[in-house]
Amino acid sequence: MLGVQDFIGYYDWTFEYLRSNYGEAAVHAYWAKPNPHLLRLFSEQGFDGMYQHWRHTLEMEEAGYHLVQTDDYFRIDMPDCPSKGYLIRYGLAAYHDYCEHCIGWIKPLLDATGFVVHHEHNHMGQCYWEMHRADPAISHGETRPEPPPIRGAHDVRL
């Protein structure tokens, strides 16, 4: 079986292959393919399902991360992304915005399950995602208009 760390370079190359041969829209369409398991998990279990999925996934990827789950939001701060860190360490950079792939698949999934996300990344393996239940007063799928407040010592923006 191909391990996560072995897969990263191929994933980066795949994004660039799709972009150079079929255009940027093809890359975004590739990311946006729904994951039926996660659609069900997030729809049925909300923040608990997000915690279950990302805690397991980030442990398997050996990520540097901090998770926070409250009644109002679910947040991931990642000061040490293993994927982008791998690409940086080995001088790999086929696709111009590798970091965008996370939000590229997460946002459509969250849109479909009634959540919105605020996300930022710095192209150096540091990012955060903060998910909230969609506000019916805000059009479906819109990201939170304002960045969330600083969320303590683990907030990657610090």
C-alpha atoms as a PDB file:
ATOM      1  CA  MET A   1       0.000   0.000   0.000  1.00  0.00           C
ATOM      2  CA  LEU A   2       1.220   3.488  -0.844  1.00  0.00           C
ATOM      3  CA  GLY A   3       1.752   5.529   2.325  1.00  0.00           C
ATOM      4  CA  VAL A   4       0.563   9.104   2.788  1.00  0.00           C
ATOM      5  CA  GLN A   5       4.063  10.550   2.548  1.00  0.00           C
ATOM      6  CA  ASP A   6       4.710   8.599  -0.668  1.00  0.00           C
ATOM      7  CA  PHE A   7       1.510   9.928  -2.196  1.00  0.00           C
ATOM      8  CA  ILE A   8       2.134  13.659  -1.694  1.00  0.00           C
ATOM      9  CA  GLY A   9       4.483  14.232  -4.642  1.00  0.00           C
ATOM     10  CA  TYR A  10       2.174  12.326  -6.977  1.00  0.00           C
ATOM     11  CA  TYR A  11      -0.806  14.312  -5.758  1.00  0.00           C
ATOM     12  CA  ASP A  12       1.017  17.595  -6.451  1.00  0.00           C
ATOM     13  CA  TRP A  13       1.991  16.374  -9.902  1.00  0.00           C
ATOM     14  CA  THR A  14      -1.581  15.241 -10.636  1.00  0.00           C
ATOM     15  CA  PHE A  15      -2.937  18.719  -9.912  1.00  0.00           C
ATOM     16  CA  GLU A  16      -0.441  20.260 -12.339  1.00  0.00           C
ATOM     17  CA  TYR A  17      -1.120  17.602 -14.957  1.00  0.00           C
ATOM     18  CA  LEU A  18      -4.847  18.342 -14.822  1.00  0.00           C
ATOM     19  CA  ARG A  19      -4.252  22.112 -14.933  1.00  0.00           C
ATOM     20  CA  SER A  20      -1.790  22.040 -17.819  1.00  0.00           C
ATOM     21  CA  ASN A  21      -3.845  19.610 -19.906  1.00  0.00           C
ATOM     22  CA  TYR A  22      -7.429  20.536 -19.037  1.00  0.00           C
ATOM     23  CA  GLY A  23      -7.362  23.902 -17.261  1.00  0.00           C
ATOM     24  CA  GLU A  24      -7.753  25.143 -13.699  1.00  0.00           C
ATOM     25  CA  ALA A  25     -11.467  24.271 -13.678  1.00  0.00           C
ATOM     26  CA  ALA A  26     -10.561  20.575 -14.082  1.00  0.00           C
ATOM     27  CA  VAL A  27      -8.416  20.713 -10.950  1.00  0.00           C
ATOM     28  CA  HIS A  28     -11.260  22.254  -8.957  1.00  0.00           C
ATOM     29  CA  ALA A  29     -13.708  19.693 -10.347  1.00  0.00           C
ATOM     30  CA  TYR A  30     -11.319  16.897  -9.312  1.00  0.00           C
ATOM     31  CA  TRP A  31     -11.152  18.251  -5.767  1.00  0.00           C
ATOM     32  CA  ALA A  32     -14.913  18.778  -5.526  1.00  0.00           C
ATOM     33  CA  LYS A  33     -15.917  15.158  -6.177  1.00  0.00           C
ATOM     34  CA  PRO A  34     -18.078  14.236  -3.197  1.00  0.00           C
ATOM     35  CA  ASN A  35     -16.947  11.689  -0.639  1.00  0.00           C
ATOM     36  CA  PRO A  36     -20.118   9.766   0.292  1.00  0.00           C
ATOM     37  CA  HIS A  37     -18.718   8.602   3.634  1.00  0.00           C
ATOM     38  CA  LEU A  38     -17.837  12.153   4.741  1.00  0.00           C
ATOM     39  CA  LEU A  39     -21.102  13.571   3.398  1.00  0.00           C
ATOM     40  CA  ARG A  40     -22.971  11.130   5.621  1.00  0.00           C
ATOM     41  CA  LEU A  41     -20.630  11.567   8.608  1.00  0.00           C
ATOM     42  CA  PHE A  42     -20.794  15.381   8.611  1.00  0.00           C
ATOM     43  CA  SER A  43     -24.529  15.484   7.825  1.00  0.00           C
ATOM     44  CA  GLU A  44     -25.423  13.058  10.600  1.00  0.00           C
ATOM     45  CA  GLN A  45     -22.825  13.913  13.252  1.00  0.00           C
ATOM     46  CA  GLY A  46     -21.834  17.516  12.506  1.00  0.00           C
ATOM     47  CA  PHE A  47     -18.867  18.713  14.551  1.00  0.00           C
ATOM     48  CA  ASP A  48     -18.537  15.288  16.212  1.00  0.00           C
ATOM     49  CA  GLY A  49     -18.113  13.713  12.768  1.00  0.00           C
ATOM     50  CA  MET A  50     -15.569  16.347  11.783  1.00  0.00           C
ATOM     51  CA  TYR A  51     -13.579  15.656  14.947  1.00  0.00           C
ATOM     52  CA  GLN A  52     -13.727  11.914  14.334  1.00  0.00           C
ATOM     53  CA  HIS A  53     -12.539  12.252  10.720  1.00  0.00           C
ATOM     54  CA  TRP A  54      -9.840  14.876  11.110  1.00  0.00           C
ATOM     55  CA  ARG A  55      -8.355  13.566  14.329  1.00  0.00           C
ATOM     56  CA  HIS A  56      -7.851  10.166  12.710  1.00  0.00           C
ATOM     57  CA  THR A  57      -6.618  11.598   9.384  1.00  0.00           C
ATOM     58  CA  LEU A  58      -4.202  14.097  10.914  1.00  0.00           C
ATOM     59  CA  GLU A  59      -2.807  11.436  13.257  1.00  0.00           C
ATOM     60  CA  MET A  60      -2.203   9.131  10.265  1.00  0.00           C
ATOM     61  CA  GLU A  61      -0.506  11.951   8.343  1.00  0.00           C
ATOM     62  CA  GLU A  62       1.661  12.771  11.374  1.00  0.00           C
ATOM     63  CA  ALA A  63       0.565  16.389  11.139  1.00  0.00           C
ATOM     64  CA  GLY A  64       1.347  19.121  13.611  1.00  0.00           C
ATOM     65  CA  TYR A  65      -2.147  20.310  14.504  1.00  0.00           C
ATOM     66  CA  HIS A  66      -4.531  21.471  17.216  1.00  0.00           C
ATOM     67  CA  LEU A  67      -8.291  20.725  17.150  1.00  0.00           C
ATOM     68  CA  VAL A  68     -10.986  22.643  19.006  1.00  0.00           C
ATOM     69  CA  GLN A  69     -14.627  21.627  19.070  1.00  0.00           C
ATOM     70  CA  THR A  70     -17.272  23.773  20.735  1.00  0.00           C
ATOM     71  CA  ASP A  71     -21.045  23.991  20.344  1.00  0.00           C
ATOM     72  CA  ASP A  72     -20.513  26.889  17.901  1.00  0.00           C
ATOM     73  CA  TYR A  73     -17.522  25.864  15.773  1.00  0.00           C
ATOM     74  CA  PHE A  74     -14.962  23.233  14.873  1.00  0.00           C
ATOM     75  CA  ARG A  75     -11.431  24.463  14.258  1.00  0.00           C
ATOM     76  CA  ILE A  76      -8.147  23.050  13.019  1.00  0.00           C
ATOM     77  CA  ASP A  77      -4.906  24.982  13.424  1.00  0.00           C
ATOM     78  CA  MET A  78      -2.031  23.388  11.546  1.00  0.00           C
ATOM     79  CA  PRO A  79       1.402  24.915  12.203  1.00  0.00           C
ATOM     80  CA  ASP A  80       3.133  21.947  10.546  1.00  0.00           C
ATOM     81  CA  CYS A  81       1.367  20.462   7.515  1.00  0.00           C
ATOM     82  CA  PRO A  82       3.081  17.206   6.594  1.00  0.00           C
ATOM     83  CA  SER A  83       2.056  17.440   2.932  1.00  0.00           C
ATOM     84  CA  LYS A  84       3.337  20.924   2.205  1.00  0.00           C
ATOM     85  CA  GLY A  85       6.314  20.326   4.482  1.00  0.00           C
ATOM     86  CA  TYR A  86       7.251  17.277   2.401  1.00  0.00           C
ATOM     87  CA  LEU A  87       7.052  19.272  -0.817  1.00  0.00           C
ATOM     88  CA  ILE A  88       9.179  22.057   0.660  1.00  0.00           C
ATOM     89  CA  ARG A  89      11.795  19.635   2.076  1.00  0.00           C
ATOM     90  CA  TYR A  90      12.204  17.854  -1.246  1.00  0.00           C
ATOM     91  CA  GLY A  91      11.960  20.925  -3.491  1.00  0.00           C
ATOM     92  CA  LEU A  92       8.769  19.753  -5.179  1.00  0.00           C
ATOM     93  CA  ALA A  93       6.322  22.343  -6.461  1.00  0.00           C
ATOM     94  CA  ALA A  94       4.533  21.147  -9.581  1.00  0.00           C
ATOM     95  CA  TYR A  95       1.187  22.827  -8.889  1.00  0.00           C
ATOM     96  CA  HIS A  96       1.182  26.571  -8.162  1.00  0.00           C
ATOM     97  CA  ASP A  97      -1.074  26.378  -5.072  1.00  0.00           C
ATOM     98  CA  TYR A  98      -0.861  22.919  -3.530  1.00  0.00           C
ATOM     99  CA  CYS A  99      -2.310  24.224  -0.258  1.00  0.00           C
ATOM    100  CA  GLU A 100      -5.559  25.118  -1.996  1.00  0.00           C
ATOM    101  CA  HIS A 101      -6.453  21.444  -2.463  1.00  0.00           C
ATOM    102  CA  CYS A 102      -7.578  21.121   1.166  1.00  0.00           C
ATOM    103  CA  ILE A 103     -10.178  23.859   0.938  1.00  0.00           C
ATOM    104  CA  GLY A 104     -10.872  22.698  -2.628  1.00  0.00           C
ATOM    105  CA  TRP A 105     -12.422  19.483  -1.376  1.00  0.00           C
ATOM    106  CA  ILE A 106     -13.506  20.609   2.083  1.00  0.00           C
ATOM    107  CA  LYS A 107     -15.595  23.638   1.067  1.00  0.00           C
ATOM    108  CA  PRO A 108     -17.895  21.764  -1.380  1.00  0.00           C
ATOM    109  CA  LEU A 109     -18.343  19.013   1.210  1.00  0.00           C
ATOM    110  CA  LEU A 110     -19.214  21.524   3.920  1.00  0.00           C
ATOM    111  CA  ASP A 111     -21.542  23.429   1.574  1.00  0.00           C
ATOM    112  CA  ALA A 112     -23.416  20.174   0.939  1.00  0.00           C
ATOM    113  CA  THR A 113     -23.709  19.365   4.645  1.00  0.00           C
ATOM    114  CA  GLY A 114     -24.862  22.768   5.946  1.00  0.00           C
ATOM    115  CA  PHE A 115     -21.597  24.292   7.151  1.00  0.00           C
ATOM    116  CA  VAL A 116     -19.438  27.248   6.166  1.00  0.00           C
ATOM    117  CA  VAL A 117     -15.690  27.553   6.590  1.00  0.00           C
ATOM    118  CA  HIS A 118     -13.158  30.314   7.039  1.00  0.00           C
ATOM    119  CA  HIS A 119      -9.702  29.249   5.896  1.00  0.00           C
ATOM    120  CA  GLU A 120      -6.282  30.777   5.351  1.00  0.00           C
ATOM    121  CA  HIS A 121      -2.949  29.252   4.379  1.00  0.00           C
ATOM    122  CA  ASN A 122       0.499  30.751   3.868  1.00  0.00           C
ATOM    123  CA  HIS A 123       2.107  28.313   1.380  1.00  0.00           C
ATOM    124  CA  MET A 124       4.655  27.347   4.040  1.00  0.00           C
ATOM    125  CA  GLY A 125       2.704  24.502   5.660  1.00  0.00           C
ATOM    126  CA  GLN A 126       0.663  26.601   8.071  1.00  0.00           C
ATOM    127  CA  CYS A 127      -3.093  27.061   7.901  1.00  0.00           C
ATOM    128  CA  TYR A 128      -6.348  27.060   9.796  1.00  0.00           C
ATOM    129  CA  TRP A 129      -9.933  26.097   9.053  1.00  0.00           C
ATOM    130  CA  GLU A 130     -12.836  27.155  11.216  1.00  0.00           C
ATOM    131  CA  MET A 131     -16.199  25.569  10.458  1.00  0.00           C
ATOM    132  CA  HIS A 132     -19.593  26.873  11.563  1.00  0.00           C
ATOM    133  CA  ARG A 133     -23.141  25.815  10.904  1.00  0.00           C
ATOM    134  CA  ALA A 134     -24.501  27.765   7.959  1.00  0.00           C
ATOM    135  CA  ASP A 135     -26.494  30.839   8.898  1.00  0.00           C
ATOM    136  CA  PRO A 136     -29.802  30.822   6.984  1.00  0.00           C
ATOM    137  CA  ALA A 137     -29.446  34.614   6.611  1.00  0.00           C
ATOM    138  CA  ILE A 138     -26.236  34.105   4.577  1.00  0.00           C
ATOM    139  CA  SER A 139     -26.528  32.625   1.099  1.00  0.00           C
ATOM    140  CA  HIS A 140     -25.697  28.905   0.950  1.00  0.00           C
ATOM    141  CA  GLY A 141     -22.039  28.114   0.456  1.00  0.00           C
ATOM    142  CA  GLU A 142     -20.707  31.567   1.270  1.00  0.00           C
ATOM    143  CA  THR A 143     -17.646  31.646   3.461  1.00  0.00           C
ATOM    144  CA  ARG A 144     -17.762  33.565   6.712  1.00  0.00           C
ATOM    145  CA  PRO A 145     -17.417  37.242   5.791  1.00  0.00           C
ATOM    146  CA  GLU A 146     -15.008  38.090   8.621  1.00  0.00           C
ATOM    147  CA  PRO A 147     -12.073  36.078   9.949  1.00  0.00           C
ATOM    148  CA  PRO A 148     -12.794  34.558  13.338  1.00  0.00           C
ATOM    149  CA  PRO A 149     -11.160  36.111  16.390  1.00  0.00           C
ATOM    150  CA  ILE A 150      -7.804  34.841  17.645  1.00  0.00           C
ATOM    151  CA  ARG A 151      -8.595  31.549  19.355  1.00  0.00           C
ATOM    152  CA  GLY A 152      -5.870  31.245  21.999  1.00  0.00           C
ATOM    153  CA  ALA A 153      -2.248  30.164  22.100  1.00  0.00           C
ATOM    154  CA  HIS A 154      -2.653  27.470  19.416  1.00  0.00           C
ATOM    155  CA  ASP A 155      -4.069  29.895  16.811  1.00  0.00           C
ATOM    156  CA  VAL A 156      -1.681  29.469  13.882  1.00  0.00           C
ATOM    157  CA  ARG A 157      -2.010  33.173  13.024  1.00  0.00           C
ATOM    158  CA  LEU A 158       0.119  33.942  16.069  1.00  0.00           C
END
